[in-house]
Amino acid sequence: QDDRDDAKMLDTFLSSRSLQMDSKGYFMVKLDENRIVASFYSCIVNDKGEICDLQGNKIKCCNGGSRREPMKVWKGRTAKELTTAIFEEWEDAAKLEFSIGHAVYIGREVQRAEHCLYSNIPYQQD
């Protein structure tokens, strides 16, 4: 039990750290109708170095502000199905050149979403 408690505490700590938003875009992950849903939102960097939507409005990832239309949406039953569709089959993935850290983050999130889906646990993206 001690290892499990330590792991949970470490996970909570790592989830609280600040992450640098990828200037090429970001993913939102959620559960909907017994599927894992990943949506990609593209963005740009303005002349001040701020991350903005394609209209130049400053944004913060996951801030719950104005509704934006995603560039692409995937739905899947498993993390493997989603990450294969995103990183191996989506033509634009290679053009966008996501960082390794961003790809790993998406993998972790969809794996956690899959666990929540099949364990009937509420899911909230880190």
Foldseek 3Di string as FASTA:
>chain_A
DVVVVVVVVVVVVVVPDDDDDDLQWAWAWADDPQKIKIFTAGWHQDPVRATGHPVRHGDDPPPPPDDDDGPDMDIHNALVVVLCCQCPVDPCNVVSPDDPVRSVLSSVQRRVNNVCSVVVHHDDRD
